[in-house]
Amino acid sequence: MPVVALGLAVIALVVAVRAHQRISAVHARYRDLWDARERDLVAVVSHQTSKITRLQDDVREVGVQLSLTALDVEQTLRHVALVRYDAFGDLSGQLSFSAAILDDHGDGLVISSVHALGESRTYAKGVIEGLCHTTLTHEERQALAAACAGKVLL
């Protein structure tokens, strides 16, 4: 009989500890809901409603900022292609290059640097919607086509 009583006492103790944990959790939630300043249900609901309204306004503002950021990303020059080549037969090592740098709309520029023995020249040509109204060299056309297609050429 004493063993049975001891077993029941242990079970009762475990049940009491679990009940205390649950009551503590409910009490913590209760404290979060009821502010020390507010003692009636109407004040608590009013306070929570104003908090929700502020959070909704914050979410709307974040949505607007996200939309503006998405527009900014579309206009960043992030499609890049680079073509290296030997412009003349007197040099080797592909020191000349043409690079196309575009945004999501195909706007940007093509930069070429042509190296020859004793001199170097750099050219920049504007690109609008993937088209350049200035004559492009073969290498510039290659770089522009790759950048428009989203391919990275190095």
N, C-alpha and C. Protein backbone atom coordinates (compact mmCIF):
# COMPACT_ATOMS: atom_id res chain seq x y z
N MET A 1 0.79 -1.20 0.00
CA MET A 1 0.00 0.00 0.00
C MET A 1 0.84 1.28 0.00
N PRO A 2 1.92 1.35 0.78
CA PRO A 2 2.70 2.57 0.77
C PRO A 2 3.31 2.86 -0.60
N VAL A 3 3.63 1.81 -1.37
CA VAL A 3 4.21 2.02 -2.70
C VAL A 3 3.17 2.64 -3.62
N VAL A 4 1.93 2.20 -3.54
CA VAL A 4 0.85 2.75 -4.36
C VAL A 4 0.62 4.21 -3.99
N ALA A 5 0.62 4.51 -2.71
CA ALA A 5 0.43 5.89 -2.27
C ALA A 5 1.57 6.78 -2.76
N LEU A 6 2.79 6.25 -2.72
CA LEU A 6 3.94 7.01 -3.21
C LEU A 6 3.82 7.25 -4.71
N GLY A 7 3.40 6.25 -5.46
CA GLY A 7 3.21 6.39 -6.91
C GLY A 7 2.16 7.43 -7.24
N LEU A 8 1.04 7.39 -6.50
CA LEU A 8 -0.01 8.39 -6.72
C LEU A 8 0.48 9.79 -6.37
N ALA A 9 1.29 9.90 -5.33
CA ALA A 9 1.83 11.21 -4.95
C ALA A 9 2.75 11.76 -6.04
N VAL A 10 3.58 10.89 -6.64
CA VAL A 10 4.47 11.32 -7.72
C VAL A 10 3.65 11.77 -8.92
N ILE A 11 2.63 11.02 -9.28
CA ILE A 11 1.76 11.39 -10.41
C ILE A 11 1.07 12.72 -10.12
N ALA A 12 0.59 12.90 -8.90
CA ALA A 12 -0.06 14.16 -8.53
C ALA A 12 0.92 15.32 -8.62
N LEU A 13 2.16 15.08 -8.23
CA LEU A 13 3.19 16.13 -8.31
C LEU A 13 3.46 16.51 -9.76
N VAL A 14 3.57 15.52 -10.65
CA VAL A 14 3.80 15.79 -12.08
C VAL A 14 2.64 16.58 -12.66
N VAL A 15 1.41 16.18 -12.33
CA VAL A 15 0.22 16.89 -12.82
C VAL A 15 0.22 18.33 -12.30
N ALA A 16 0.59 18.53 -11.06
CA ALA A 16 0.62 19.87 -10.48
C ALA A 16 1.66 20.75 -11.17
N VAL A 17 2.84 20.18 -11.46
CA VAL A 17 3.89 20.95 -12.15
C VAL A 17 3.42 21.35 -13.54
N ARG A 18 2.81 20.43 -14.29
CA ARG A 18 2.30 20.74 -15.64
C ARG A 18 1.21 21.82 -15.57
N ALA A 19 0.33 21.72 -14.58
CA ALA A 19 -0.73 22.72 -14.43
C ALA A 19 -0.12 24.09 -14.12
N HIS A 20 0.91 24.10 -13.28
CA HIS A 20 1.58 25.37 -12.96
C HIS A 20 2.23 25.98 -14.21
N GLN A 21 2.86 25.15 -15.06
CA GLN A 21 3.47 25.65 -16.29
C GLN A 21 2.42 26.26 -17.20
N ARG A 22 1.30 25.59 -17.34
CA ARG A 22 0.23 26.12 -18.21
C ARG A 22 -0.34 27.42 -17.66
N ILE A 23 -0.54 27.47 -16.36
CA ILE A 23 -1.07 28.69 -15.75
C ILE A 23 -0.07 29.83 -15.92
N SER A 24 1.21 29.55 -15.78
CA SER A 24 2.24 30.58 -15.97
C SER A 24 2.22 31.11 -17.40
N ALA A 25 2.04 30.23 -18.38
CA ALA A 25 1.98 30.66 -19.78
C ALA A 25 0.76 31.54 -20.02
N VAL A 26 -0.38 31.15 -19.47
CA VAL A 26 -1.60 31.96 -19.61
C VAL A 26 -1.40 33.30 -18.93
N HIS A 27 -0.78 33.30 -17.76
CA HIS A 27 -0.54 34.54 -17.03
C HIS A 27 0.38 35.48 -17.82
N ALA A 28 1.38 34.93 -18.48
CA ALA A 28 2.29 35.76 -19.30
C ALA A 28 1.52 36.39 -20.45
N ARG A 29 0.66 35.62 -21.09
CA ARG A 29 -0.16 36.19 -22.18
C ARG A 29 -1.11 37.26 -21.64
N TYR A 30 -1.65 37.01 -20.49
CA TYR A 30 -2.55 37.97 -19.85
C TYR A 30 -1.83 39.28 -19.58
N ARG A 31 -0.59 39.19 -19.07
CA ARG A 31 0.20 40.41 -18.82
C ARG A 31 0.48 41.16 -20.11
N ASP A 32 0.77 40.42 -21.21
CA ASP A 32 1.02 41.07 -22.49
C ASP A 32 -0.21 41.82 -22.98
N LEU A 33 -1.38 41.23 -22.75
CA LEU A 33 -2.61 41.85 -23.23
C LEU A 33 -3.01 43.04 -22.37
N TRP A 34 -2.98 42.89 -21.08
CA TRP A 34 -3.42 43.94 -20.18
C TRP A 34 -2.22 44.78 -19.77
N ASP A 35 -2.26 46.02 -20.18
CA ASP A 35 -1.21 46.96 -19.78
C ASP A 35 -1.47 47.40 -18.34
N ALA A 36 -0.46 47.80 -17.64
CA ALA A 36 -0.63 48.25 -16.25
C ALA A 36 -1.50 49.50 -16.19
N ARG A 37 -1.53 50.27 -17.28
CA ARG A 37 -2.31 51.50 -17.30
C ARG A 37 -3.79 51.24 -17.54
N GLU A 38 -4.09 50.11 -18.17
CA GLU A 38 -5.47 49.85 -18.57
C GLU A 38 -6.05 48.73 -17.74
N ARG A 39 -7.21 48.99 -17.16
CA ARG A 39 -7.80 48.02 -16.27
C ARG A 39 -9.16 47.49 -16.76
N ASP A 40 -9.69 48.04 -17.85
CA ASP A 40 -10.97 47.51 -18.32
C ASP A 40 -10.84 47.00 -19.75
N LEU A 41 -11.75 46.15 -20.13
CA LEU A 41 -11.70 45.46 -21.42
C LEU A 41 -11.81 46.44 -22.59
N VAL A 42 -12.63 47.46 -22.48
CA VAL A 42 -12.80 48.44 -23.56
C VAL A 42 -11.49 49.16 -23.84
N ALA A 43 -10.78 49.54 -22.79
CA ALA A 43 -9.49 50.22 -22.97
C ALA A 43 -8.47 49.29 -23.62
N VAL A 44 -8.46 48.03 -23.21
CA VAL A 44 -7.53 47.07 -23.79
C VAL A 44 -7.82 46.87 -25.27
N VAL A 45 -9.09 46.68 -25.62
CA VAL A 45 -9.47 46.48 -27.02
C VAL A 45 -9.14 47.72 -27.84
N SER A 46 -9.41 48.89 -27.29
CA SER A 46 -9.09 50.14 -27.98
C SER A 46 -7.59 50.27 -28.22
N HIS A 47 -6.82 49.94 -27.21
CA HIS A 47 -5.35 50.02 -27.34
C HIS A 47 -4.85 49.03 -28.39
N GLN A 48 -5.35 47.80 -28.35
CA GLN A 48 -4.94 46.79 -29.33
C GLN A 48 -5.36 47.18 -30.74
N THR A 49 -6.54 47.78 -30.88
CA THR A 49 -7.01 48.23 -32.20
C THR A 49 -6.10 49.32 -32.75
N SER A 50 -5.69 50.25 -31.90
CA SER A 50 -4.79 51.31 -32.38
C SER A 50 -3.42 50.73 -32.76
N LYS A 51 -2.96 49.72 -32.00
CA LYS A 51 -1.70 49.07 -32.37
C LYS A 51 -1.81 48.39 -33.74
N ILE A 52 -2.92 47.71 -33.96
CA ILE A 52 -3.14 47.03 -35.24
C ILE A 52 -3.20 48.04 -36.37
N THR A 53 -3.87 49.16 -36.15
CA THR A 53 -3.96 50.20 -37.18
C THR A 53 -2.57 50.74 -37.52
N ARG A 54 -1.75 50.99 -36.48
CA ARG A 54 -0.38 51.47 -36.73
C ARG A 54 0.42 50.43 -37.51
N LEU A 55 0.27 49.17 -37.16
CA LEU A 55 0.99 48.11 -37.88
C LEU A 55 0.53 48.02 -39.33
N GLN A 56 -0.77 48.17 -39.57
CA GLN A 56 -1.28 48.15 -40.95
C GLN A 56 -0.70 49.32 -41.75
N ASP A 57 -0.62 50.49 -41.12
CA ASP A 57 -0.01 51.64 -41.80
C ASP A 57 1.46 51.38 -42.11
N ASP A 58 2.16 50.76 -41.16
CA ASP A 58 3.57 50.42 -41.39
C ASP A 58 3.71 49.44 -42.55
N VAL A 59 2.83 48.45 -42.60
CA VAL A 59 2.89 47.46 -43.69
C VAL A 59 2.63 48.14 -45.03
N ARG A 60 1.66 49.06 -45.08
CA ARG A 60 1.40 49.80 -46.32
C ARG A 60 2.63 50.60 -46.75
N GLU A 61 3.27 51.26 -45.80
CA GLU A 61 4.47 52.06 -46.10
C GLU A 61 5.60 51.16 -46.61
N VAL A 62 5.77 50.01 -45.99
CA VAL A 62 6.79 49.07 -46.46
C VAL A 62 6.47 48.61 -47.88
N GLY A 63 5.19 48.39 -48.17
CA GLY A 63 4.79 48.00 -49.53
C GLY A 63 5.13 49.08 -50.55
N VAL A 64 4.89 50.34 -50.20
CA VAL A 64 5.23 51.45 -51.10
C VAL A 64 6.74 51.50 -51.31
N GLN A 65 7.50 51.38 -50.23
CA GLN A 65 8.96 51.41 -50.35
C GLN A 65 9.47 50.24 -51.18
N LEU A 66 8.85 49.08 -51.04
CA LEU A 66 9.24 47.91 -51.82
C LEU A 66 8.97 48.15 -53.31
N SER A 67 7.84 48.76 -53.62
CA SER A 67 7.53 49.07 -55.02
C SER A 67 8.55 50.04 -55.60
N LEU A 68 8.90 51.06 -54.83
CA LEU A 68 9.90 52.03 -55.30
C LEU A 68 11.26 51.36 -55.49
N THR A 69 11.61 50.47 -54.59
CA THR A 69 12.88 49.76 -54.71
C THR A 69 12.88 48.88 -55.95
N ALA A 70 11.75 48.23 -56.24
CA ALA A 70 11.66 47.39 -57.44
C ALA A 70 11.86 48.24 -58.70
N LEU A 71 11.31 49.46 -58.71
CA LEU A 71 11.52 50.35 -59.86
C LEU A 71 12.99 50.75 -59.97
N ASP A 72 13.63 51.01 -58.83
CA ASP A 72 15.05 51.36 -58.85
C ASP A 72 15.89 50.20 -59.39
N VAL A 73 15.55 48.99 -59.01
CA VAL A 73 16.31 47.82 -59.46
C VAL A 73 16.20 47.67 -60.98
N GLU A 74 15.01 47.95 -61.53
CA GLU A 74 14.84 47.86 -62.99
C GLU A 74 15.78 48.81 -63.72
N GLN A 75 16.11 49.93 -63.07
CA GLN A 75 16.92 50.95 -63.73
C GLN A 75 18.41 50.84 -63.40
N THR A 76 18.79 49.83 -62.65
CA THR A 76 20.22 49.66 -62.36
C THR A 76 20.90 48.99 -63.55
N LEU A 77 22.12 49.39 -63.80
CA LEU A 77 22.89 48.81 -64.89
C LEU A 77 23.47 47.49 -64.41
N ARG A 78 22.76 46.41 -64.71
CA ARG A 78 23.18 45.12 -64.15
C ARG A 78 23.34 44.01 -65.18
N HIS A 79 23.07 44.31 -66.44
CA HIS A 79 23.29 43.32 -67.51
C HIS A 79 24.59 43.71 -68.22
N VAL A 80 25.62 42.93 -68.01
CA VAL A 80 26.95 43.29 -68.48
C VAL A 80 27.52 42.18 -69.34
N ALA A 81 28.13 42.57 -70.45
CA ALA A 81 28.86 41.62 -71.29
C ALA A 81 30.14 42.29 -71.76
N LEU A 82 31.22 41.53 -71.77
CA LEU A 82 32.53 42.05 -72.14
C LEU A 82 33.13 41.14 -73.21
N VAL A 83 33.57 41.77 -74.30
CA VAL A 83 34.24 41.04 -75.38
C VAL A 83 35.66 41.57 -75.48
N ARG A 84 36.64 40.69 -75.34
CA ARG A 84 38.06 41.07 -75.46
C ARG A 84 38.57 40.62 -76.82
N TYR A 85 39.46 41.43 -77.40
CA TYR A 85 39.96 41.10 -78.73
C TYR A 85 41.26 41.84 -79.02
N ASP A 86 41.93 41.39 -80.08
CA ASP A 86 43.11 42.08 -80.60
C ASP A 86 42.63 42.98 -81.72
N ALA A 87 42.73 44.29 -81.54
CA ALA A 87 42.22 45.23 -82.53
C ALA A 87 43.09 45.27 -83.78
N PHE A 88 44.38 45.12 -83.61
CA PHE A 88 45.30 45.20 -84.73
C PHE A 88 46.26 44.01 -84.66
N GLY A 89 46.91 43.74 -85.75
CA GLY A 89 47.83 42.61 -85.79
C GLY A 89 49.13 42.85 -85.06
N ASP A 90 49.43 44.12 -84.69
CA ASP A 90 50.73 44.41 -84.08
C ASP A 90 50.79 44.08 -82.59
N LEU A 91 49.65 43.83 -81.97
CA LEU A 91 49.61 43.49 -80.54
C LEU A 91 48.86 42.18 -80.33
N SER A 92 49.25 41.46 -79.32
CA SER A 92 48.48 40.28 -78.94
C SER A 92 48.18 40.36 -77.45
N GLY A 93 47.37 39.47 -76.95
CA GLY A 93 47.02 39.49 -75.54
C GLY A 93 45.63 40.04 -75.29
N GLN A 94 44.91 40.32 -76.35
CA GLN A 94 43.53 40.83 -76.26
C GLN A 94 43.43 42.01 -75.29
N LEU A 95 44.18 43.06 -75.58
CA LEU A 95 44.16 44.25 -74.74
C LEU A 95 42.98 45.17 -75.04
N SER A 96 42.37 45.03 -76.20
CA SER A 96 41.19 45.83 -76.54
C SER A 96 39.94 45.12 -76.02
N PHE A 97 38.90 45.93 -75.74
CA PHE A 97 37.65 45.31 -75.28
C PHE A 97 36.47 46.20 -75.63
N SER A 98 35.29 45.57 -75.68
CA SER A 98 34.01 46.26 -75.79
C SER A 98 33.12 45.71 -74.69
N ALA A 99 32.49 46.60 -73.95
CA ALA A 99 31.62 46.19 -72.85
C ALA A 99 30.25 46.85 -73.02
N ALA A 100 29.21 46.06 -72.92
CA ALA A 100 27.84 46.58 -72.92
C ALA A 100 27.31 46.49 -71.50
N ILE A 101 26.74 47.59 -71.02
CA ILE A 101 26.21 47.66 -69.66
C ILE A 101 24.79 48.22 -69.76
N LEU A 102 23.79 47.39 -69.41
CA LEU A 102 22.39 47.75 -69.62
C LEU A 102 21.55 47.55 -68.37
N ASP A 103 20.38 48.24 -68.33
CA ASP A 103 19.40 47.98 -67.28
C ASP A 103 18.35 47.00 -67.80
N ASP A 104 17.29 46.77 -67.04
CA ASP A 104 16.26 45.80 -67.43
C ASP A 104 15.49 46.22 -68.68
N HIS A 105 15.49 47.51 -69.02
CA HIS A 105 14.78 48.01 -70.19
C HIS A 105 15.65 48.02 -71.44
N GLY A 106 16.91 47.63 -71.30
CA GLY A 106 17.83 47.65 -72.44
C GLY A 106 18.48 49.00 -72.64
N ASP A 107 18.38 49.87 -71.66
CA ASP A 107 19.01 51.19 -71.73
C ASP A 107 20.37 51.13 -71.04
N GLY A 108 21.34 51.84 -71.60
CA GLY A 108 22.67 51.84 -71.00
C GLY A 108 23.71 52.35 -71.97
N LEU A 109 24.85 51.67 -72.05
CA LEU A 109 25.92 52.13 -72.92
C LEU A 109 26.83 50.98 -73.32
N VAL A 110 27.56 51.24 -74.39
CA VAL A 110 28.61 50.34 -74.85
C VAL A 110 29.91 51.13 -74.77
N ILE A 111 30.89 50.59 -74.08
CA ILE A 111 32.20 51.23 -73.95
C ILE A 111 33.21 50.35 -74.65
N SER A 112 34.04 50.98 -75.48
CA SER A 112 35.10 50.23 -76.16
C SER A 112 36.42 50.92 -75.91
N SER A 113 37.43 50.12 -75.68
CA SER A 113 38.78 50.63 -75.53
C SER A 113 39.64 49.87 -76.52
N VAL A 114 40.21 50.62 -77.48
CA VAL A 114 41.00 50.01 -78.55
C VAL A 114 42.47 50.34 -78.30
N HIS A 115 43.27 49.30 -78.15
CA HIS A 115 44.70 49.47 -77.88
C HIS A 115 45.50 49.10 -79.13
N ALA A 116 46.38 50.01 -79.49
CA ALA A 116 47.31 49.77 -80.60
C ALA A 116 48.72 50.06 -80.06
N LEU A 117 49.69 49.76 -80.86
CA LEU A 117 51.06 49.99 -80.45
C LEU A 117 51.28 51.49 -80.29
N GLY A 118 51.49 51.95 -79.08
CA GLY A 118 51.78 53.35 -78.83
C GLY A 118 50.57 54.21 -78.53
N GLU A 119 49.36 53.71 -78.64
CA GLU A 119 48.19 54.55 -78.32
C GLU A 119 47.00 53.68 -77.90
N SER A 120 46.07 54.37 -77.26
CA SER A 120 44.84 53.71 -76.81
C SER A 120 43.70 54.71 -76.94
N ARG A 121 42.57 54.25 -77.44
CA ARG A 121 41.41 55.12 -77.60
C ARG A 121 40.20 54.47 -76.94
N THR A 122 39.38 55.31 -76.33
CA THR A 122 38.18 54.81 -75.65
C THR A 122 36.96 55.49 -76.25
N TYR A 123 35.92 54.69 -76.50
CA TYR A 123 34.68 55.19 -77.10
C TYR A 123 33.50 54.76 -76.22
N ALA A 124 32.51 55.63 -76.13
CA ALA A 124 31.28 55.30 -75.40
C ALA A 124 30.10 55.62 -76.30
N LYS A 125 29.15 54.70 -76.37
CA LYS A 125 27.97 54.87 -77.23
C LYS A 125 26.73 54.52 -76.42
N GLY A 126 25.73 55.40 -76.50
CA GLY A 126 24.49 55.19 -75.76
C GLY A 126 23.61 54.13 -76.38
N VAL A 127 22.86 53.44 -75.54
CA VAL A 127 21.93 52.40 -75.98
C VAL A 127 20.57 52.68 -75.36
N ILE A 128 19.53 52.66 -76.20
CA ILE A 128 18.15 52.85 -75.74
C ILE A 128 17.32 51.68 -76.24
N GLU A 129 16.69 50.99 -75.30
CA GLU A 129 15.85 49.82 -75.59
C GLU A 129 16.60 48.80 -76.46
N GLY A 130 17.87 48.61 -76.16
CA GLY A 130 18.67 47.60 -76.85
C GLY A 130 19.20 48.02 -78.20
N LEU A 131 18.94 49.27 -78.59
CA LEU A 131 19.39 49.76 -79.90
C LEU A 131 20.35 50.92 -79.72
N CYS A 132 21.36 50.95 -80.60
CA CYS A 132 22.32 52.05 -80.60
C CYS A 132 22.19 52.77 -81.94
N HIS A 133 22.04 54.08 -81.90
CA HIS A 133 21.87 54.85 -83.14
C HIS A 133 23.21 55.27 -83.75
N THR A 134 24.30 54.83 -83.14
CA THR A 134 25.64 55.03 -83.67
C THR A 134 26.12 53.69 -84.22
N THR A 135 26.90 53.75 -85.26
CA THR A 135 27.42 52.51 -85.85
C THR A 135 28.27 51.76 -84.83
N LEU A 136 28.01 50.46 -84.72
CA LEU A 136 28.75 49.62 -83.78
C LEU A 136 29.71 48.70 -84.54
N THR A 137 30.83 48.42 -83.91
CA THR A 137 31.76 47.45 -84.48
C THR A 137 31.21 46.04 -84.24
N HIS A 138 31.84 45.06 -84.86
CA HIS A 138 31.42 43.67 -84.67
C HIS A 138 31.48 43.28 -83.19
N GLU A 139 32.55 43.65 -82.50
CA GLU A 139 32.72 43.30 -81.09
C GLU A 139 31.69 44.02 -80.22
N GLU A 140 31.39 45.28 -80.55
CA GLU A 140 30.37 46.02 -79.80
C GLU A 140 29.00 45.37 -79.98
N ARG A 141 28.68 44.97 -81.21
CA ARG A 141 27.40 44.28 -81.46
C ARG A 141 27.33 42.97 -80.68
N GLN A 142 28.46 42.27 -80.64
CA GLN A 142 28.53 41.01 -79.90
C GLN A 142 28.26 41.24 -78.40
N ALA A 143 28.90 42.24 -77.83
CA ALA A 143 28.71 42.55 -76.41
C ALA A 143 27.28 43.00 -76.14
N LEU A 144 26.72 43.83 -77.02
CA LEU A 144 25.36 44.32 -76.84
C LEU A 144 24.35 43.17 -76.92
N ALA A 145 24.52 42.30 -77.88
CA ALA A 145 23.61 41.16 -78.01
C ALA A 145 23.68 40.26 -76.78
N ALA A 146 24.87 40.03 -76.27
CA ALA A 146 25.02 39.18 -75.08
C ALA A 146 24.39 39.83 -73.86
N ALA A 147 24.59 41.14 -73.69
CA ALA A 147 24.01 41.84 -72.53
C ALA A 147 22.48 41.85 -72.62
N CYS A 148 21.94 42.07 -73.82
CA CYS A 148 20.48 42.05 -74.00
C CYS A 148 19.90 40.68 -73.69
N ALA A 149 20.65 39.63 -74.03
CA ALA A 149 20.19 38.26 -73.79
C ALA A 149 20.45 37.81 -72.36
N GLY A 150 21.13 38.63 -71.58
CA GLY A 150 21.43 38.27 -70.21
C GLY A 150 22.60 37.32 -70.07
N LYS A 151 23.39 37.18 -71.14
CA LYS A 151 24.56 36.31 -71.10
C LYS A 151 25.77 37.12 -70.67
N VAL A 152 26.59 36.53 -69.87
CA VAL A 152 27.82 37.19 -69.44
C VAL A 152 28.96 36.66 -70.29
N LEU A 153 29.59 37.56 -71.03
CA LEU A 153 30.76 37.20 -71.83
C LEU A 153 31.97 37.87 -71.21
N LEU A 154 33.00 37.11 -70.99
CA LEU A 154 34.24 37.68 -70.47
C LEU A 154 35.40 37.19 -71.29
